Amino acid sequence: MEWMKPKFVEHETVIEGSAATNLAVLYGTYKVLGSQGHNSGISSVKLIKSEKGNPIIRFYDKGDREIGLGFSPTVCAANTRATDAPSYVVCGKNSILFPQPWFLLAVEPTGRVIRQGNAIFGYKEMVIEKGNYSMYFSWGKDDHGADYALQRVE
């Protein structure tokens, strides 16, 4: 039943604003240092440029086996912080009516702490060191997504 298996679909990505510049800086391989939320055992993340020039994000487990099919966004937008250095990119669309997968990948110039939980069950903190990266990824509908602390390795 090969025809029933999901297949990867590459979208022609609309690049908005300074996203092309930011993507060029952010393409690479990242080691997952920590995560919060639904993460399915992800140990590394790759943001690559396809042969057609579209950004594709892929997830890998500890055995370097790809998890899922990867994700090809329909749109990418970016912005810079006060330093004018490429700092983050948002790819995909987050819509209440038509939820799609989306992610935000950012350089953390000063570091930060992501805190998740509540007063009843307690809080879990994840520290992202200065110069490392943070990523939020959601598959869309009914997925609350996950936060990741990343370190660039390639």
N, C-alpha and C. Protein backbone atom coordinates (compact mmCIF):
# COMPACT_ATOMS: atom_id res chain seq x y z
N MET A 1 0.81 -1.18 0.00
CA MET A 1 0.00 0.00 0.00
C MET A 1 0.86 1.25 0.00
N GLU A 2 1.80 1.29 -0.89
CA GLU A 2 2.72 2.42 -1.02
C GLU A 2 1.98 3.73 -1.30
N TRP A 3 0.88 3.66 -2.02
CA TRP A 3 0.14 4.86 -2.38
C TRP A 3 -0.49 5.56 -1.17
N MET A 4 -0.62 4.84 -0.05
CA MET A 4 -1.23 5.43 1.14
C MET A 4 -0.22 6.21 1.99
N LYS A 5 1.06 5.99 1.77
CA LYS A 5 2.07 6.67 2.57
C LYS A 5 2.11 8.15 2.20
N PRO A 6 2.25 9.02 3.21
CA PRO A 6 2.35 10.45 2.91
C PRO A 6 3.63 10.74 2.14
N LYS A 7 3.56 11.73 1.28
CA LYS A 7 4.72 12.11 0.48
C LYS A 7 5.08 13.56 0.78
N PHE A 8 6.37 13.85 0.71
CA PHE A 8 6.85 15.21 0.92
C PHE A 8 6.45 16.07 -0.26
N VAL A 9 5.92 17.25 0.02
CA VAL A 9 5.53 18.20 -1.02
C VAL A 9 6.33 19.48 -0.81
N GLU A 10 7.07 19.87 -1.83
CA GLU A 10 7.83 21.12 -1.75
C GLU A 10 7.00 22.24 -2.33
N HIS A 11 6.79 23.29 -1.54
CA HIS A 11 6.02 24.45 -1.98
C HIS A 11 6.95 25.52 -2.54
N GLU A 12 6.43 26.31 -3.47
CA GLU A 12 7.14 27.49 -3.92
C GLU A 12 6.95 28.54 -2.82
N THR A 13 8.00 28.84 -2.11
CA THR A 13 7.92 29.73 -0.95
C THR A 13 7.97 31.19 -1.37
N VAL A 14 7.01 31.97 -0.89
CA VAL A 14 7.01 33.41 -1.09
C VAL A 14 7.92 34.00 -0.01
N ILE A 15 8.95 34.71 -0.42
CA ILE A 15 9.91 35.30 0.52
C ILE A 15 9.57 36.78 0.67
N GLU A 16 9.26 37.19 1.91
CA GLU A 16 8.86 38.57 2.18
C GLU A 16 9.93 39.31 2.96
N GLY A 17 10.02 40.61 2.74
CA GLY A 17 10.94 41.46 3.51
C GLY A 17 12.38 41.01 3.39
N SER A 18 13.08 40.99 4.51
CA SER A 18 14.49 40.62 4.52
C SER A 18 14.70 39.13 4.75
N ALA A 19 13.67 38.33 4.51
CA ALA A 19 13.75 36.89 4.77
C ALA A 19 14.85 36.21 3.95
N ALA A 20 15.07 36.64 2.71
CA ALA A 20 16.11 36.01 1.88
C ALA A 20 17.48 36.17 2.53
N THR A 21 17.78 37.36 3.03
CA THR A 21 19.05 37.61 3.71
C THR A 21 19.15 36.79 4.99
N ASN A 22 18.09 36.82 5.78
CA ASN A 22 18.10 36.09 7.05
C ASN A 22 18.20 34.59 6.84
N LEU A 23 17.48 34.05 5.86
CA LEU A 23 17.55 32.62 5.59
C LEU A 23 18.96 32.21 5.19
N ALA A 24 19.62 33.03 4.36
CA ALA A 24 20.98 32.70 3.93
C ALA A 24 21.91 32.56 5.13
N VAL A 25 21.71 33.37 6.15
CA VAL A 25 22.53 33.32 7.36
C VAL A 25 22.14 32.13 8.24
N LEU A 26 20.86 31.76 8.24
CA LEU A 26 20.35 30.73 9.16
C LEU A 26 20.38 29.31 8.61
N TYR A 27 20.59 29.14 7.28
CA TYR A 27 20.68 27.77 6.75
C TYR A 27 21.79 27.03 7.47
N GLY A 28 21.52 25.80 7.89
CA GLY A 28 22.54 25.01 8.57
C GLY A 28 21.95 23.88 9.38
N THR A 29 22.82 23.24 10.15
CA THR A 29 22.43 22.12 11.01
C THR A 29 22.57 22.56 12.46
N TYR A 30 21.57 22.21 13.26
CA TYR A 30 21.51 22.62 14.65
C TYR A 30 21.33 21.40 15.55
N LYS A 31 22.08 21.38 16.64
CA LYS A 31 21.94 20.34 17.66
C LYS A 31 20.91 20.83 18.69
N VAL A 32 19.98 19.96 19.08
CA VAL A 32 18.98 20.32 20.09
C VAL A 32 19.60 20.18 21.48
N LEU A 33 19.70 21.29 22.20
CA LEU A 33 20.26 21.29 23.55
C LEU A 33 19.18 21.08 24.61
N GLY A 34 17.96 21.45 24.28
CA GLY A 34 16.84 21.31 25.20
C GLY A 34 15.55 21.58 24.48
N SER A 35 14.45 21.07 25.02
CA SER A 35 13.15 21.32 24.40
C SER A 35 12.06 21.29 25.44
N GLN A 36 10.97 21.94 25.11
CA GLN A 36 9.77 21.94 25.94
C GLN A 36 8.58 21.79 25.01
N GLY A 37 7.62 20.98 25.42
CA GLY A 37 6.44 20.77 24.60
C GLY A 37 6.55 19.47 23.83
N HIS A 38 5.76 19.34 22.79
CA HIS A 38 5.72 18.12 21.98
C HIS A 38 6.94 18.07 21.07
N ASN A 39 7.89 17.17 21.36
CA ASN A 39 9.13 17.17 20.58
C ASN A 39 9.48 15.86 19.91
N SER A 40 8.87 14.75 20.28
CA SER A 40 9.04 13.45 19.62
C SER A 40 10.49 12.99 19.48
N GLY A 41 11.34 13.27 20.45
CA GLY A 41 12.70 12.76 20.43
C GLY A 41 13.62 13.39 19.40
N ILE A 42 13.41 14.63 19.08
CA ILE A 42 14.24 15.31 18.08
C ILE A 42 15.58 15.68 18.70
N SER A 43 16.68 15.30 18.00
CA SER A 43 18.01 15.63 18.52
C SER A 43 18.76 16.61 17.62
N SER A 44 18.34 16.74 16.36
CA SER A 44 18.94 17.75 15.49
C SER A 44 17.93 18.25 14.47
N VAL A 45 18.19 19.46 13.99
CA VAL A 45 17.31 20.14 13.04
C VAL A 45 18.18 20.67 11.91
N LYS A 46 17.71 20.52 10.67
CA LYS A 46 18.43 21.08 9.53
C LYS A 46 17.51 22.01 8.77
N LEU A 47 17.98 23.23 8.53
CA LEU A 47 17.29 24.17 7.66
C LEU A 47 18.13 24.25 6.40
N ILE A 48 17.57 23.76 5.29
CA ILE A 48 18.33 23.68 4.04
C ILE A 48 17.63 24.46 2.94
N LYS A 49 18.39 24.74 1.89
CA LYS A 49 17.85 25.37 0.69
C LYS A 49 17.75 24.28 -0.36
N SER A 50 16.55 24.07 -0.90
CA SER A 50 16.34 23.01 -1.89
C SER A 50 16.96 23.39 -3.22
N GLU A 51 16.98 22.44 -4.14
CA GLU A 51 17.50 22.72 -5.49
C GLU A 51 16.69 23.80 -6.18
N LYS A 52 15.41 23.91 -5.83
CA LYS A 52 14.54 24.94 -6.40
C LYS A 52 14.68 26.28 -5.69
N GLY A 53 15.47 26.32 -4.61
CA GLY A 53 15.70 27.55 -3.87
C GLY A 53 14.75 27.80 -2.72
N ASN A 54 13.95 26.80 -2.36
CA ASN A 54 12.98 26.95 -1.28
C ASN A 54 13.55 26.44 0.04
N PRO A 55 13.21 27.10 1.17
CA PRO A 55 13.67 26.61 2.47
C PRO A 55 12.91 25.35 2.87
N ILE A 56 13.61 24.39 3.44
CA ILE A 56 13.01 23.15 3.94
C ILE A 56 13.62 22.88 5.30
N ILE A 57 12.77 22.53 6.26
CA ILE A 57 13.26 22.18 7.59
C ILE A 57 13.03 20.69 7.80
N ARG A 58 14.06 20.02 8.33
CA ARG A 58 13.98 18.57 8.57
C ARG A 58 14.42 18.29 10.00
N PHE A 59 13.83 17.24 10.59
CA PHE A 59 14.10 16.86 11.97
C PHE A 59 14.71 15.47 12.02
N TYR A 60 15.66 15.26 12.95
CA TYR A 60 16.37 13.98 13.05
C TYR A 60 16.41 13.50 14.50
N ASP A 61 16.41 12.16 14.68
CA ASP A 61 16.52 11.59 16.02
C ASP A 61 17.99 11.35 16.36
N LYS A 62 18.25 10.71 17.51
CA LYS A 62 19.63 10.48 17.96
C LYS A 62 20.41 9.58 17.02
N GLY A 63 19.73 8.71 16.29
CA GLY A 63 20.39 7.83 15.32
C GLY A 63 20.56 8.49 13.96
N ASP A 64 20.32 9.80 13.87
CA ASP A 64 20.40 10.59 12.63
C ASP A 64 19.41 10.10 11.58
N ARG A 65 18.28 9.53 12.03
CA ARG A 65 17.20 9.13 11.12
C ARG A 65 16.20 10.27 11.07
N GLU A 66 15.73 10.57 9.87
CA GLU A 66 14.77 11.67 9.71
C GLU A 66 13.44 11.31 10.36
N ILE A 67 12.87 12.26 11.09
CA ILE A 67 11.57 12.10 11.73
C ILE A 67 10.55 12.83 10.86
N GLY A 68 9.53 12.12 10.41
CA GLY A 68 8.51 12.74 9.58
C GLY A 68 9.03 13.02 8.18
N LEU A 69 8.35 13.92 7.50
CA LEU A 69 8.67 14.21 6.10
C LEU A 69 9.40 15.52 5.91
N GLY A 70 9.58 16.27 6.95
CA GLY A 70 10.13 17.61 6.79
C GLY A 70 9.00 18.58 6.49
N PHE A 71 9.34 19.83 6.33
CA PHE A 71 8.33 20.86 6.12
C PHE A 71 8.84 21.89 5.13
N SER A 72 8.02 22.18 4.14
CA SER A 72 8.31 23.20 3.14
C SER A 72 7.24 24.29 3.28
N PRO A 73 7.61 25.47 3.79
CA PRO A 73 6.61 26.52 4.03
C PRO A 73 6.15 27.20 2.74
N THR A 74 4.96 27.80 2.80
CA THR A 74 4.44 28.54 1.65
C THR A 74 4.91 29.99 1.67
N VAL A 75 5.30 30.48 2.85
CA VAL A 75 5.73 31.87 2.98
C VAL A 75 6.78 31.98 4.09
N CYS A 76 7.73 32.90 3.92
CA CYS A 76 8.72 33.20 4.97
C CYS A 76 8.85 34.72 5.08
N ALA A 77 8.86 35.20 6.29
CA ALA A 77 9.07 36.62 6.56
C ALA A 77 10.15 36.74 7.61
N ALA A 78 10.77 37.90 7.69
CA ALA A 78 11.86 38.07 8.65
C ALA A 78 11.89 39.50 9.15
N ASN A 79 12.69 39.67 10.16
CA ASN A 79 12.89 41.00 10.71
C ASN A 79 14.24 41.01 11.38
N THR A 80 14.70 42.20 11.71
CA THR A 80 15.97 42.32 12.42
C THR A 80 15.71 43.06 13.72
N ARG A 81 16.58 42.86 14.66
CA ARG A 81 16.48 43.59 15.92
C ARG A 81 17.22 44.92 15.75
N ALA A 82 17.36 45.66 16.80
CA ALA A 82 17.96 46.99 16.74
C ALA A 82 19.37 46.99 16.18
N THR A 83 20.08 45.87 16.25
CA THR A 83 21.46 45.82 15.77
C THR A 83 21.55 45.74 14.25
N ASP A 84 20.42 45.55 13.57
CA ASP A 84 20.36 45.36 12.12
C ASP A 84 21.02 44.07 11.66
N ALA A 85 21.38 43.20 12.57
CA ALA A 85 21.93 41.89 12.20
C ALA A 85 20.76 40.95 11.93
N PRO A 86 20.88 40.09 10.91
CA PRO A 86 19.79 39.13 10.68
C PRO A 86 19.57 38.32 11.96
N SER A 87 18.35 38.34 12.46
CA SER A 87 18.15 37.71 13.76
C SER A 87 17.07 36.65 13.79
N TYR A 88 16.03 36.77 12.97
CA TYR A 88 15.04 35.70 12.99
C TYR A 88 14.26 35.62 11.69
N VAL A 89 13.63 34.47 11.51
CA VAL A 89 12.79 34.24 10.35
C VAL A 89 11.57 33.44 10.82
N VAL A 90 10.41 33.79 10.27
CA VAL A 90 9.17 33.07 10.55
C VAL A 90 8.70 32.48 9.23
N CYS A 91 8.51 31.17 9.19
CA CYS A 91 8.08 30.51 7.96
C CYS A 91 6.81 29.71 8.21
N GLY A 92 5.88 29.79 7.28
CA GLY A 92 4.59 29.13 7.41
C GLY A 92 3.55 30.14 7.86
N LYS A 93 2.30 29.70 7.93
CA LYS A 93 1.22 30.60 8.33
C LYS A 93 0.51 30.04 9.54
N ASN A 94 0.32 30.90 10.53
CA ASN A 94 -0.43 30.52 11.72
C ASN A 94 -1.79 31.19 11.62
N SER A 95 -2.82 30.42 11.30
CA SER A 95 -4.15 30.96 11.11
C SER A 95 -5.15 30.14 11.92
N ILE A 96 -6.11 30.79 12.53
CA ILE A 96 -7.13 30.08 13.30
C ILE A 96 -8.02 29.26 12.38
N LEU A 97 -8.41 29.82 11.25
CA LEU A 97 -9.32 29.12 10.34
C LEU A 97 -8.63 28.03 9.53
N PHE A 98 -7.42 28.29 9.07
CA PHE A 98 -6.70 27.33 8.23
C PHE A 98 -5.29 27.13 8.78
N PRO A 99 -5.16 26.44 9.91
CA PRO A 99 -3.83 26.28 10.52
C PRO A 99 -2.90 25.44 9.66
N GLN A 100 -1.69 25.90 9.52
CA GLN A 100 -0.65 25.20 8.77
C GLN A 100 0.57 25.09 9.68
N PRO A 101 1.48 24.19 9.35
CA PRO A 101 2.73 24.16 10.11
C PRO A 101 3.47 25.49 9.97
N TRP A 102 4.18 25.88 11.01
CA TRP A 102 4.99 27.09 10.95
C TRP A 102 6.10 27.01 11.98
N PHE A 103 7.15 27.79 11.76
CA PHE A 103 8.24 27.85 12.73
C PHE A 103 8.86 29.23 12.78
N LEU A 104 9.48 29.52 13.92
CA LEU A 104 10.25 30.73 14.11
C LEU A 104 11.63 30.30 14.57
N LEU A 105 12.66 30.72 13.84
CA LEU A 105 14.05 30.40 14.18
C LEU A 105 14.76 31.72 14.44
N ALA A 106 15.41 31.85 15.61
CA ALA A 106 16.01 33.13 16.00
C ALA A 106 17.38 32.95 16.62
N VAL A 107 18.24 33.93 16.35
CA VAL A 107 19.52 34.04 17.05
C VAL A 107 19.22 34.71 18.38
N GLU A 108 19.83 34.22 19.46
CA GLU A 108 19.63 34.82 20.78
C GLU A 108 20.89 35.60 21.17
N PRO A 109 20.93 36.92 20.87
CA PRO A 109 22.14 37.71 21.11
C PRO A 109 22.47 37.91 22.60
N THR A 110 21.48 37.84 23.46
CA THR A 110 21.72 38.04 24.89
C THR A 110 21.37 36.83 25.73
N GLY A 111 20.80 35.81 25.12
CA GLY A 111 20.33 34.64 25.86
C GLY A 111 18.98 34.93 26.50
N ARG A 112 18.26 33.88 26.87
CA ARG A 112 16.97 34.06 27.54
C ARG A 112 16.53 32.76 28.19
N VAL A 113 15.50 32.85 29.01
CA VAL A 113 14.94 31.69 29.69
C VAL A 113 13.50 31.52 29.22
N ILE A 114 13.15 30.32 28.77
CA ILE A 114 11.77 30.01 28.41
C ILE A 114 11.17 29.25 29.58
N ARG A 115 10.06 29.74 30.07
CA ARG A 115 9.42 29.15 31.25
C ARG A 115 8.06 28.60 30.83
N GLN A 116 7.81 27.33 31.14
CA GLN A 116 6.56 26.69 30.75
C GLN A 116 5.96 25.98 31.96
N GLY A 117 4.65 25.99 32.08
CA GLY A 117 3.99 25.30 33.18
C GLY A 117 3.02 26.22 33.89
N ASN A 118 2.70 25.88 35.15
CA ASN A 118 1.80 26.70 35.94
C ASN A 118 2.10 26.52 37.42
N ALA A 119 1.44 27.32 38.26
CA ALA A 119 1.72 27.30 39.70
C ALA A 119 1.31 25.99 40.37
N ILE A 120 0.32 25.31 39.84
CA ILE A 120 -0.16 24.07 40.45
C ILE A 120 0.81 22.91 40.18
N PHE A 121 1.19 22.73 38.93
CA PHE A 121 2.03 21.60 38.56
C PHE A 121 3.52 21.95 38.50
N GLY A 122 3.83 23.21 38.69
CA GLY A 122 5.22 23.63 38.68
C GLY A 122 5.66 24.16 37.32
N TYR A 123 6.79 24.79 37.32
CA TYR A 123 7.35 25.37 36.11
C TYR A 123 8.60 24.61 35.69
N LYS A 124 8.84 24.61 34.40
CA LYS A 124 10.06 24.02 33.85
C LYS A 124 10.74 25.14 33.07
N GLU A 125 12.00 25.35 33.35
CA GLU A 125 12.73 26.41 32.66
C GLU A 125 13.75 25.82 31.71
N MET A 126 13.91 26.48 30.57
CA MET A 126 14.91 26.08 29.60
C MET A 126 15.76 27.32 29.30
N VAL A 127 17.04 27.23 29.53
CA VAL A 127 17.95 28.36 29.32
C VAL A 127 18.56 28.27 27.93
N ILE A 128 18.51 29.39 27.22
CA ILE A 128 19.16 29.49 25.92
C ILE A 128 20.33 30.45 26.09
N GLU A 129 21.53 29.94 25.93
CA GLU A 129 22.74 30.73 26.15
C GLU A 129 22.93 31.79 25.07
N LYS A 130 23.63 32.84 25.41
CA LYS A 130 23.97 33.91 24.48
C LYS A 130 24.67 33.33 23.26
N GLY A 131 24.23 33.74 22.07
CA GLY A 131 24.84 33.29 20.82
C GLY A 131 24.26 32.01 20.27
N ASN A 132 23.45 31.29 21.04
CA ASN A 132 22.78 30.10 20.52
C ASN A 132 21.48 30.51 19.84
N TYR A 133 20.65 29.55 19.51
CA TYR A 133 19.45 29.80 18.74
C TYR A 133 18.23 29.25 19.48
N SER A 134 17.08 29.85 19.20
CA SER A 134 15.83 29.31 19.71
C SER A 134 14.93 29.03 18.51
N MET A 135 14.07 28.03 18.66
CA MET A 135 13.11 27.72 17.60
C MET A 135 11.79 27.32 18.24
N TYR A 136 10.71 27.81 17.66
CA TYR A 136 9.39 27.33 18.02
C TYR A 136 8.83 26.69 16.77
N PHE A 137 8.28 25.47 16.90
CA PHE A 137 7.71 24.78 15.74
C PHE A 137 6.34 24.23 16.11
N SER A 138 5.38 24.41 15.21
CA SER A 138 4.04 23.85 15.39
C SER A 138 3.60 23.20 14.09
N TRP A 139 3.01 22.01 14.19
CA TRP A 139 2.47 21.33 13.00
C TRP A 139 1.13 21.90 12.60
N GLY A 140 0.58 22.84 13.36
CA GLY A 140 -0.69 23.46 12.99
C GLY A 140 -1.84 22.99 13.85
N LYS A 141 -2.91 22.54 13.24
CA LYS A 141 -4.15 22.18 13.92
C LYS A 141 -3.92 21.26 15.12
N ASP A 142 -4.50 21.64 16.25
CA ASP A 142 -4.47 20.85 17.48
C ASP A 142 -3.06 20.54 17.99
N ASP A 143 -2.07 21.30 17.55
CA ASP A 143 -0.71 21.08 18.02
C ASP A 143 -0.25 22.34 18.74
N HIS A 144 0.13 22.18 19.98
CA HIS A 144 0.59 23.33 20.75
C HIS A 144 2.05 23.65 20.47
N GLY A 145 2.71 22.80 19.71
CA GLY A 145 4.08 23.07 19.31
C GLY A 145 5.10 22.81 20.40
N ALA A 146 6.33 23.18 20.10
CA ALA A 146 7.43 22.96 21.03
C ALA A 146 8.47 24.07 20.87
N ASP A 147 9.11 24.39 21.99
CA ASP A 147 10.24 25.32 22.00
C ASP A 147 11.52 24.51 22.04
N TYR A 148 12.55 24.98 21.33
CA TYR A 148 13.83 24.29 21.28
C TYR A 148 14.96 25.27 21.55
N ALA A 149 15.96 24.83 22.29
CA ALA A 149 17.23 25.54 22.45
C ALA A 149 18.19 24.83 21.50
N LEU A 150 18.80 25.58 20.59
CA LEU A 150 19.64 24.99 19.55
C LEU A 150 21.05 25.56 19.57
N GLN A 151 21.99 24.74 19.13
CA GLN A 151 23.37 25.17 18.93
C GLN A 151 23.75 24.82 17.51
N ARG A 152 24.26 25.79 16.78
CA ARG A 152 24.62 25.55 15.38
C ARG A 152 25.88 24.69 15.33
N VAL A 153 25.83 23.62 14.50
CA VAL A 153 26.99 22.74 14.36
C VAL A 153 27.56 22.77 12.95
N GLU A 154 26.81 23.21 11.97
CA GLU A 154 27.29 23.33 10.58
C GLU A 154 26.70 24.56 9.94
